[in-house]
Every structure is written in C-alpha cells, then in structure tokens.
mmCIF file of all heavy atoms, coordinates in Angstrom:
data_MODEL
# 
_entry.id   MODEL 
# 
loop_
_atom_site.group_PDB 
_atom_site.id 
_atom_site.type_symbol 
_atom_site.label_atom_id 
_atom_site.label_alt_id 
_atom_site.label_comp_id 
_atom_site.label_asym_id 
_atom_site.label_entity_id 
_atom_site.label_seq_id 
_atom_site.pdbx_PDB_ins_code 
_atom_site.Cartn_x 
_atom_site.Cartn_y 
_atom_site.Cartn_z 
_atom_site.occupancy 
_atom_site.B_iso_or_equiv 
_atom_site.pdbx_formal_charge 
_atom_site.auth_seq_id 
_atom_site.auth_comp_id 
_atom_site.auth_asym_id 
_atom_site.auth_atom_id 
_atom_site.pdbx_PDB_model_num 
ATOM 1   N N   . ALA A 1 1  ? 13.452  6.409   -8.061 1.00 0.00 ? 1  ALA A N   1 
ATOM 2   C CA  . ALA A 1 1  ? 13.576  7.296   -6.905 1.00 0.00 ? 1  ALA A CA  1 
ATOM 3   C C   . ALA A 1 1  ? 12.938  8.561   -7.292 1.00 0.00 ? 1  ALA A C   1 
ATOM 4   O O   . ALA A 1 1  ? 13.406  9.263   -8.187 1.00 0.00 ? 1  ALA A O   1 
ATOM 5   C CB  . ALA A 1 1  ? 15.064  7.453   -6.515 1.00 0.00 ? 1  ALA A CB  1 
ATOM 6   N N   . VAL A 1 2  ? 11.868  8.973   -6.612 1.00 0.00 ? 2  VAL A N   1 
ATOM 7   C CA  . VAL A 1 2  ? 11.041  10.049  -7.058 1.00 0.00 ? 2  VAL A CA  1 
ATOM 8   C C   . VAL A 1 2  ? 10.826  11.191  -6.017 1.00 0.00 ? 2  VAL A C   1 
ATOM 9   O O   . VAL A 1 2  ? 10.068  12.076  -6.248 1.00 0.00 ? 2  VAL A O   1 
ATOM 10  C CB  . VAL A 1 2  ? 9.627   9.561   -7.527 1.00 0.00 ? 2  VAL A CB  1 
ATOM 11  C CG1 . VAL A 1 2  ? 9.782   8.675   -8.757 1.00 0.00 ? 2  VAL A CG1 1 
ATOM 12  C CG2 . VAL A 1 2  ? 8.949   8.811   -6.405 1.00 0.00 ? 2  VAL A CG2 1 
ATOM 13  N N   . GLY A 1 3  ? 11.543  11.104  -4.881 1.00 0.00 ? 3  GLY A N   1 
ATOM 14  C CA  . GLY A 1 3  ? 11.519  12.166  -3.972 1.00 0.00 ? 3  GLY A CA  1 
ATOM 15  C C   . GLY A 1 3  ? 10.101  12.414  -3.384 1.00 0.00 ? 3  GLY A C   1 
ATOM 16  O O   . GLY A 1 3  ? 9.466   11.493  -2.831 1.00 0.00 ? 3  GLY A O   1 
ATOM 17  N N   . THR A 1 4  ? 9.561   13.595  -3.594 1.00 0.00 ? 4  THR A N   1 
ATOM 18  C CA  . THR A 1 4  ? 8.259   14.001  -2.916 1.00 0.00 ? 4  THR A CA  1 
ATOM 19  C C   . THR A 1 4  ? 7.104   13.273  -3.528 1.00 0.00 ? 4  THR A C   1 
ATOM 20  O O   . THR A 1 4  ? 5.997   13.289  -2.996 1.00 0.00 ? 4  THR A O   1 
ATOM 21  C CB  . THR A 1 4  ? 8.093   15.509  -3.039 1.00 0.00 ? 4  THR A CB  1 
ATOM 22  O OG1 . THR A 1 4  ? 8.127   15.890  -4.403 1.00 0.00 ? 4  THR A OG1 1 
ATOM 23  C CG2 . THR A 1 4  ? 9.195   16.254  -2.259 1.00 0.00 ? 4  THR A CG2 1 
ATOM 24  N N   . ALA A 1 5  ? 7.261   12.644  -4.711 1.00 0.00 ? 5  ALA A N   1 
ATOM 25  C CA  . ALA A 1 5  ? 6.173   11.940  -5.368 1.00 0.00 ? 5  ALA A CA  1 
ATOM 26  C C   . ALA A 1 5  ? 6.030   10.462  -4.919 1.00 0.00 ? 5  ALA A C   1 
ATOM 27  O O   . ALA A 1 5  ? 5.360   9.703   -5.559 1.00 0.00 ? 5  ALA A O   1 
ATOM 28  C CB  . ALA A 1 5  ? 6.290   12.022  -6.871 1.00 0.00 ? 5  ALA A CB  1 
ATOM 29  N N   . ASP A 1 6  ? 6.680   10.105  -3.860 1.00 0.00 ? 6  ASP A N   1 
ATOM 30  C CA  . ASP A 1 6  ? 6.721   8.717   -3.415 1.00 0.00 ? 6  ASP A CA  1 
ATOM 31  C C   . ASP A 1 6  ? 5.286   8.244   -2.986 1.00 0.00 ? 6  ASP A C   1 
ATOM 32  O O   . ASP A 1 6  ? 4.652   8.910   -2.145 1.00 0.00 ? 6  ASP A O   1 
ATOM 33  C CB  . ASP A 1 6  ? 7.650   8.603   -2.213 1.00 0.00 ? 6  ASP A CB  1 
ATOM 34  C CG  . ASP A 1 6  ? 7.933   7.179   -1.812 1.00 0.00 ? 6  ASP A CG  1 
ATOM 35  O OD1 . ASP A 1 6  ? 7.236   6.222   -2.355 1.00 0.00 ? 6  ASP A OD1 1 
ATOM 36  O OD2 . ASP A 1 6  ? 8.838   6.939   -1.025 1.00 0.00 ? 6  ASP A OD2 1 
ATOM 37  N N   . GLN A 1 7  ? 4.817   7.218   -3.608 1.00 0.00 ? 7  GLN A N   1 
ATOM 38  C CA  . GLN A 1 7  ? 3.470   6.687   -3.317 1.00 0.00 ? 7  GLN A CA  1 
ATOM 39  C C   . GLN A 1 7  ? 3.536   5.261   -2.764 1.00 0.00 ? 7  GLN A C   1 
ATOM 40  O O   . GLN A 1 7  ? 2.535   4.582   -2.739 1.00 0.00 ? 7  GLN A O   1 
ATOM 41  C CB  . GLN A 1 7  ? 2.616   6.658   -4.585 1.00 0.00 ? 7  GLN A CB  1 
ATOM 42  C CG  . GLN A 1 7  ? 2.353   8.052   -5.150 1.00 0.00 ? 7  GLN A CG  1 
ATOM 43  C CD  . GLN A 1 7  ? 1.504   8.906   -4.174 1.00 0.00 ? 7  GLN A CD  1 
ATOM 44  O OE1 . GLN A 1 7  ? 0.526   8.453   -3.645 1.00 0.00 ? 7  GLN A OE1 1 
ATOM 45  N NE2 . GLN A 1 7  ? 1.974   10.130  -3.963 1.00 0.00 ? 7  GLN A NE2 1 
ATOM 46  N N   . LEU A 1 8  ? 4.740   4.811   -2.291 1.00 0.00 ? 8  LEU A N   1 
ATOM 47  C CA  . LEU A 1 8  ? 4.791   3.454   -1.821 1.00 0.00 ? 8  LEU A CA  1 
ATOM 48  C C   . LEU A 1 8  ? 3.905   3.201   -0.624 1.00 0.00 ? 8  LEU A C   1 
ATOM 49  O O   . LEU A 1 8  ? 3.370   2.128   -0.395 1.00 0.00 ? 8  LEU A O   1 
ATOM 50  C CB  . LEU A 1 8  ? 6.253   3.066   -1.461 1.00 0.00 ? 8  LEU A CB  1 
ATOM 51  C CG  . LEU A 1 8  ? 7.109   2.603   -2.602 1.00 0.00 ? 8  LEU A CG  1 
ATOM 52  C CD1 . LEU A 1 8  ? 8.417   2.107   -2.034 1.00 0.00 ? 8  LEU A CD1 1 
ATOM 53  C CD2 . LEU A 1 8  ? 6.469   1.518   -3.420 1.00 0.00 ? 8  LEU A CD2 1 
ATOM 54  N N   . ASP A 1 9  ? 3.714   4.229   0.238  1.00 0.00 ? 9  ASP A N   1 
ATOM 55  C CA  . ASP A 1 9  ? 2.888   4.037   1.415  1.00 0.00 ? 9  ASP A CA  1 
ATOM 56  C C   . ASP A 1 9  ? 1.430   3.830   1.037  1.00 0.00 ? 9  ASP A C   1 
ATOM 57  O O   . ASP A 1 9  ? 0.740   2.956   1.587  1.00 0.00 ? 9  ASP A O   1 
ATOM 58  C CB  . ASP A 1 9  ? 3.034   5.191   2.397  1.00 0.00 ? 9  ASP A CB  1 
ATOM 59  C CG  . ASP A 1 9  ? 2.605   6.516   1.824  1.00 0.00 ? 9  ASP A CG  1 
ATOM 60  O OD1 . ASP A 1 9  ? 2.500   6.672   0.587  1.00 0.00 ? 9  ASP A OD1 1 
ATOM 61  O OD2 . ASP A 1 9  ? 2.326   7.470   2.639  1.00 0.00 ? 9  ASP A OD2 1 
ATOM 62  N N   . SER A 1 10 ? 0.946   4.493   -0.046 1.00 0.00 ? 10 SER A N   1 
ATOM 63  C CA  . SER A 1 10 ? -0.410  4.320   -0.479 1.00 0.00 ? 10 SER A CA  1 
ATOM 64  C C   . SER A 1 10 ? -0.556  2.884   -1.091 1.00 0.00 ? 10 SER A C   1 
ATOM 65  O O   . SER A 1 10 ? -1.604  2.202   -0.886 1.00 0.00 ? 10 SER A O   1 
ATOM 66  C CB  . SER A 1 10 ? -0.794  5.344   -1.538 1.00 0.00 ? 10 SER A CB  1 
ATOM 67  O OG  . SER A 1 10 ? -0.750  6.612   -0.987 1.00 0.00 ? 10 SER A OG  1 
ATOM 68  N N   . LEU A 1 11 ? 0.467   2.422   -1.762 1.00 0.00 ? 11 LEU A N   1 
ATOM 69  C CA  . LEU A 1 11 ? 0.416   1.049   -2.330 1.00 0.00 ? 11 LEU A CA  1 
ATOM 70  C C   . LEU A 1 11 ? 0.416   0.042   -1.224 1.00 0.00 ? 11 LEU A C   1 
ATOM 71  O O   . LEU A 1 11 ? -0.348  -0.967  -1.250 1.00 0.00 ? 11 LEU A O   1 
ATOM 72  C CB  . LEU A 1 11 ? 1.641   0.826   -3.248 1.00 0.00 ? 11 LEU A CB  1 
ATOM 73  C CG  . LEU A 1 11 ? 1.783   -0.562  -3.825 1.00 0.00 ? 11 LEU A CG  1 
ATOM 74  C CD1 . LEU A 1 11 ? 0.560   -0.939  -4.655 1.00 0.00 ? 11 LEU A CD1 1 
ATOM 75  C CD2 . LEU A 1 11 ? 3.057   -0.629  -4.694 1.00 0.00 ? 11 LEU A CD2 1 
ATOM 76  N N   . LEU A 1 12 ? 1.182   0.303   -0.182 1.00 0.00 ? 12 LEU A N   1 
ATOM 77  C CA  . LEU A 1 12 ? 1.242   -0.619  0.950  1.00 0.00 ? 12 LEU A CA  1 
ATOM 78  C C   . LEU A 1 12 ? -0.152  -0.692  1.610  1.00 0.00 ? 12 LEU A C   1 
ATOM 79  O O   . LEU A 1 12 ? -0.605  -1.802  1.988  1.00 0.00 ? 12 LEU A O   1 
ATOM 80  C CB  . LEU A 1 12 ? 2.278   -0.212  1.949  1.00 0.00 ? 12 LEU A CB  1 
ATOM 81  C CG  . LEU A 1 12 ? 2.495   -1.230  3.086  1.00 0.00 ? 12 LEU A CG  1 
ATOM 82  C CD1 . LEU A 1 12 ? 3.970   -1.339  3.425  1.00 0.00 ? 12 LEU A CD1 1 
ATOM 83  C CD2 . LEU A 1 12 ? 1.725   -0.836  4.330  1.00 0.00 ? 12 LEU A CD2 1 
ATOM 84  N N   . VAL A 1 13 ? -0.861  0.409   1.724  1.00 0.00 ? 13 VAL A N   1 
ATOM 85  C CA  . VAL A 1 13 ? -2.216  0.412   2.296  1.00 0.00 ? 13 VAL A CA  1 
ATOM 86  C C   . VAL A 1 13 ? -3.120  -0.497  1.450  1.00 0.00 ? 13 VAL A C   1 
ATOM 87  O O   . VAL A 1 13 ? -3.930  -1.220  1.962  1.00 0.00 ? 13 VAL A O   1 
ATOM 88  C CB  . VAL A 1 13 ? -2.759  1.827   2.371  1.00 0.00 ? 13 VAL A CB  1 
ATOM 89  C CG1 . VAL A 1 13 ? -4.294  1.821   2.667  1.00 0.00 ? 13 VAL A CG1 1 
ATOM 90  C CG2 . VAL A 1 13 ? -2.055  2.620   3.451  1.00 0.00 ? 13 VAL A CG2 1 
ATOM 91  N N   . SER A 1 14 ? -3.027  -0.407  0.121  1.00 0.00 ? 14 SER A N   1 
ATOM 92  C CA  . SER A 1 14 ? -3.828  -1.264  -0.732 1.00 0.00 ? 14 SER A CA  1 
ATOM 93  C C   . SER A 1 14 ? -3.563  -2.711  -0.508 1.00 0.00 ? 14 SER A C   1 
ATOM 94  O O   . SER A 1 14 ? -4.453  -3.564  -0.448 1.00 0.00 ? 14 SER A O   1 
ATOM 95  C CB  . SER A 1 14 ? -3.598  -0.865  -2.207 1.00 0.00 ? 14 SER A CB  1 
ATOM 96  O OG  . SER A 1 14 ? -4.013  0.416   -2.459 1.00 0.00 ? 14 SER A OG  1 
ATOM 97  N N   . VAL A 1 15 ? -2.261  -3.063  -0.377 1.00 0.00 ? 15 VAL A N   1 
ATOM 98  C CA  . VAL A 1 15 ? -1.934  -4.482  -0.071 1.00 0.00 ? 15 VAL A CA  1 
ATOM 99  C C   . VAL A 1 15 ? -2.497  -4.873  1.253  1.00 0.00 ? 15 VAL A C   1 
ATOM 100 O O   . VAL A 1 15 ? -3.061  -5.954  1.370  1.00 0.00 ? 15 VAL A O   1 
ATOM 101 C CB  . VAL A 1 15 ? -0.390  -4.647  -0.107 1.00 0.00 ? 15 VAL A CB  1 
ATOM 102 C CG1 . VAL A 1 15 ? 0.025   -5.989  0.384  1.00 0.00 ? 15 VAL A CG1 1 
ATOM 103 C CG2 . VAL A 1 15 ? 0.183   -4.363  -1.540 1.00 0.00 ? 15 VAL A CG2 1 
ATOM 104 N N   . TYR A 1 16 ? -2.336  -4.027  2.258  1.00 0.00 ? 16 TYR A N   1 
ATOM 105 C CA  . TYR A 1 16 ? -2.843  -4.376  3.578  1.00 0.00 ? 16 TYR A CA  1 
ATOM 106 C C   . TYR A 1 16 ? -4.348  -4.604  3.562  1.00 0.00 ? 16 TYR A C   1 
ATOM 107 O O   . TYR A 1 16 ? -4.819  -5.568  4.118  1.00 0.00 ? 16 TYR A O   1 
ATOM 108 C CB  . TYR A 1 16 ? -2.536  -3.179  4.547  1.00 0.00 ? 16 TYR A CB  1 
ATOM 109 C CG  . TYR A 1 16 ? -3.201  -3.334  5.900  1.00 0.00 ? 16 TYR A CG  1 
ATOM 110 C CD1 . TYR A 1 16 ? -2.510  -3.991  6.938  1.00 0.00 ? 16 TYR A CD1 1 
ATOM 111 C CD2 . TYR A 1 16 ? -4.459  -2.812  6.123  1.00 0.00 ? 16 TYR A CD2 1 
ATOM 112 C CE1 . TYR A 1 16 ? -3.135  -4.132  8.187  1.00 0.00 ? 16 TYR A CE1 1 
ATOM 113 C CE2 . TYR A 1 16 ? -5.065  -2.939  7.353  1.00 0.00 ? 16 TYR A CE2 1 
ATOM 114 C CZ  . TYR A 1 16 ? -4.383  -3.614  8.403  1.00 0.00 ? 16 TYR A CZ  1 
ATOM 115 O OH  . TYR A 1 16 ? -4.967  -3.766  9.558  1.00 0.00 ? 16 TYR A OH  1 
ATOM 116 N N   . GLN A 1 17 ? -5.088  -3.714  2.918  1.00 0.00 ? 17 GLN A N   1 
ATOM 117 C CA  . GLN A 1 17 ? -6.514  -3.827  2.853  1.00 0.00 ? 17 GLN A CA  1 
ATOM 118 C C   . GLN A 1 17 ? -6.945  -5.143  2.101  1.00 0.00 ? 17 GLN A C   1 
ATOM 119 O O   . GLN A 1 17 ? -7.916  -5.755  2.491  1.00 0.00 ? 17 GLN A O   1 
ATOM 120 C CB  . GLN A 1 17 ? -7.128  -2.599  2.257  1.00 0.00 ? 17 GLN A CB  1 
ATOM 121 C CG  . GLN A 1 17 ? -6.988  -1.345  3.119  1.00 0.00 ? 17 GLN A CG  1 
ATOM 122 C CD  . GLN A 1 17 ? -7.434  -0.089  2.459  1.00 0.00 ? 17 GLN A CD  1 
ATOM 123 O OE1 . GLN A 1 17 ? -7.406  0.027   1.206  1.00 0.00 ? 17 GLN A OE1 1 
ATOM 124 N NE2 . GLN A 1 17 ? -7.787  0.925   3.253  1.00 0.00 ? 17 GLN A NE2 1 
ATOM 125 N N   . THR A 1 18 ? -6.200  -5.476  1.100  1.00 0.00 ? 18 THR A N   1 
ATOM 126 C CA  . THR A 1 18 ? -6.485  -6.691  0.395  1.00 0.00 ? 18 THR A CA  1 
ATOM 127 C C   . THR A 1 18 ? -6.322  -7.930  1.280  1.00 0.00 ? 18 THR A C   1 
ATOM 128 O O   . THR A 1 18 ? -7.109  -8.812  1.331  1.00 0.00 ? 18 THR A O   1 
ATOM 129 C CB  . THR A 1 18 ? -5.590  -6.838  -0.867 1.00 0.00 ? 18 THR A CB  1 
ATOM 130 O OG1 . THR A 1 18 ? -5.874  -5.738  -1.741 1.00 0.00 ? 18 THR A OG1 1 
ATOM 131 C CG2 . THR A 1 18 ? -5.851  -8.148  -1.578 1.00 0.00 ? 18 THR A CG2 1 
ATOM 132 N N   . LEU A 1 19 ? -5.171  -7.925  2.075  1.00 0.00 ? 19 LEU A N   1 
ATOM 133 C CA  . LEU A 1 19 ? -4.929  -9.010  2.974  1.00 0.00 ? 19 LEU A CA  1 
ATOM 134 C C   . LEU A 1 19 ? -5.945  -9.083  4.073  1.00 0.00 ? 19 LEU A C   1 
ATOM 135 O O   . LEU A 1 19 ? -6.402  -10.141 4.478  1.00 0.00 ? 19 LEU A O   1 
ATOM 136 C CB  . LEU A 1 19 ? -3.534  -8.879  3.597  1.00 0.00 ? 19 LEU A CB  1 
ATOM 137 C CG  . LEU A 1 19 ? -2.357  -8.996  2.639  1.00 0.00 ? 19 LEU A CG  1 
ATOM 138 C CD1 . LEU A 1 19 ? -1.060  -8.626  3.326  1.00 0.00 ? 19 LEU A CD1 1 
ATOM 139 C CD2 . LEU A 1 19 ? -2.230  -10.425 2.073  1.00 0.00 ? 19 LEU A CD2 1 
ATOM 140 N N   . GLN A 1 20 ? -6.384  -7.917  4.518  1.00 0.00 ? 20 GLN A N   1 
ATOM 141 C CA  . GLN A 1 20 ? -7.375  -7.888  5.572  1.00 0.00 ? 20 GLN A CA  1 
ATOM 142 C C   . GLN A 1 20 ? -8.723  -8.359  5.092  1.00 0.00 ? 20 GLN A C   1 
ATOM 143 O O   . GLN A 1 20 ? -9.375  -9.168  5.784  1.00 0.00 ? 20 GLN A O   1 
ATOM 144 C CB  . GLN A 1 20 ? -7.498  -6.431  6.127  1.00 0.00 ? 20 GLN A CB  1 
ATOM 145 C CG  . GLN A 1 20 ? -8.360  -6.416  7.439  1.00 0.00 ? 20 GLN A CG  1 
ATOM 146 C CD  . GLN A 1 20 ? -8.369  -4.987  7.984  1.00 0.00 ? 20 GLN A CD  1 
ATOM 147 O OE1 . GLN A 1 20 ? -9.017  -4.137  7.404  1.00 0.00 ? 20 GLN A OE1 1 
ATOM 148 N NE2 . GLN A 1 20 ? -7.690  -4.808  9.103  1.00 0.00 ? 20 GLN A NE2 1 
ATOM 149 N N   . SER A 1 21 ? -9.128  -7.967  3.909  1.00 0.00 ? 21 SER A N   1 
ATOM 150 C CA  . SER A 1 21 ? -10.445 -8.347  3.366  1.00 0.00 ? 21 SER A CA  1 
ATOM 151 C C   . SER A 1 21 ? -10.472 -9.840  3.086  1.00 0.00 ? 21 SER A C   1 
ATOM 152 O O   . SER A 1 21 ? -11.560 -10.498 3.091  1.00 0.00 ? 21 SER A O   1 
ATOM 153 C CB  . SER A 1 21 ? -10.766 -7.563  2.149  1.00 0.00 ? 21 SER A CB  1 
ATOM 154 O OG  . SER A 1 21 ? -9.855  -7.845  1.082  1.00 0.00 ? 21 SER A OG  1 
ATOM 155 N N   . SER A 1 22 ? -9.290  -10.481 2.806  1.00 0.00 ? 22 SER A N   1 
ATOM 156 C CA  . SER A 1 22 ? -9.246  -11.883 2.534  1.00 0.00 ? 22 SER A CA  1 
ATOM 157 C C   . SER A 1 22 ? -9.078  -12.676 3.830  1.00 0.00 ? 22 SER A C   1 
ATOM 158 O O   . SER A 1 22 ? -8.987  -13.948 3.747  1.00 0.00 ? 22 SER A O   1 
ATOM 159 C CB  . SER A 1 22 ? -8.091  -12.213 1.562  1.00 0.00 ? 22 SER A CB  1 
ATOM 160 O OG  . SER A 1 22 ? -6.855  -11.915 2.118  1.00 0.00 ? 22 SER A OG  1 
ATOM 161 N N   . GLY A 1 23 ? -8.967  -12.021 4.953  1.00 0.00 ? 23 GLY A N   1 
ATOM 162 C CA  . GLY A 1 23 ? -8.818  -12.719 6.221  1.00 0.00 ? 23 GLY A CA  1 
ATOM 163 C C   . GLY A 1 23 ? -7.406  -13.121 6.621  1.00 0.00 ? 23 GLY A C   1 
ATOM 164 O O   . GLY A 1 23 ? -7.241  -13.746 7.689  1.00 0.00 ? 23 GLY A O   1 
ATOM 165 N N   . VAL A 1 24 ? -6.441  -12.691 5.878  1.00 0.00 ? 24 VAL A N   1 
ATOM 166 C CA  . VAL A 1 24 ? -5.051  -13.022 6.232  1.00 0.00 ? 24 VAL A CA  1 
ATOM 167 C C   . VAL A 1 24 ? -4.683  -12.236 7.462  1.00 0.00 ? 24 VAL A C   1 
ATOM 168 O O   . VAL A 1 24 ? -3.913  -12.724 8.351  1.00 0.00 ? 24 VAL A O   1 
ATOM 169 C CB  . VAL A 1 24 ? -4.115  -12.711 5.061  1.00 0.00 ? 24 VAL A CB  1 
ATOM 170 C CG1 . VAL A 1 24 ? -2.659  -12.904 5.454  1.00 0.00 ? 24 VAL A CG1 1 
ATOM 171 C CG2 . VAL A 1 24 ? -4.464  -13.636 3.886  1.00 0.00 ? 24 VAL A CG2 1 
# 
C-alpha cells in the first residue's frame, strides 16, 4: 500500500494494450 505512488493504473494500461495488440 503506497498511497500517492500507486501505479496500478499504469500497469493495467500495459495489460490492456497487450490484450488489444494480440486481438483479444
């Protein structure tokens, strides 16, 4: 739990873009 340093949304974008580029 890191408060203002939360980067989960950026990680989620990376996952999303990977799924999109693979056609999922």
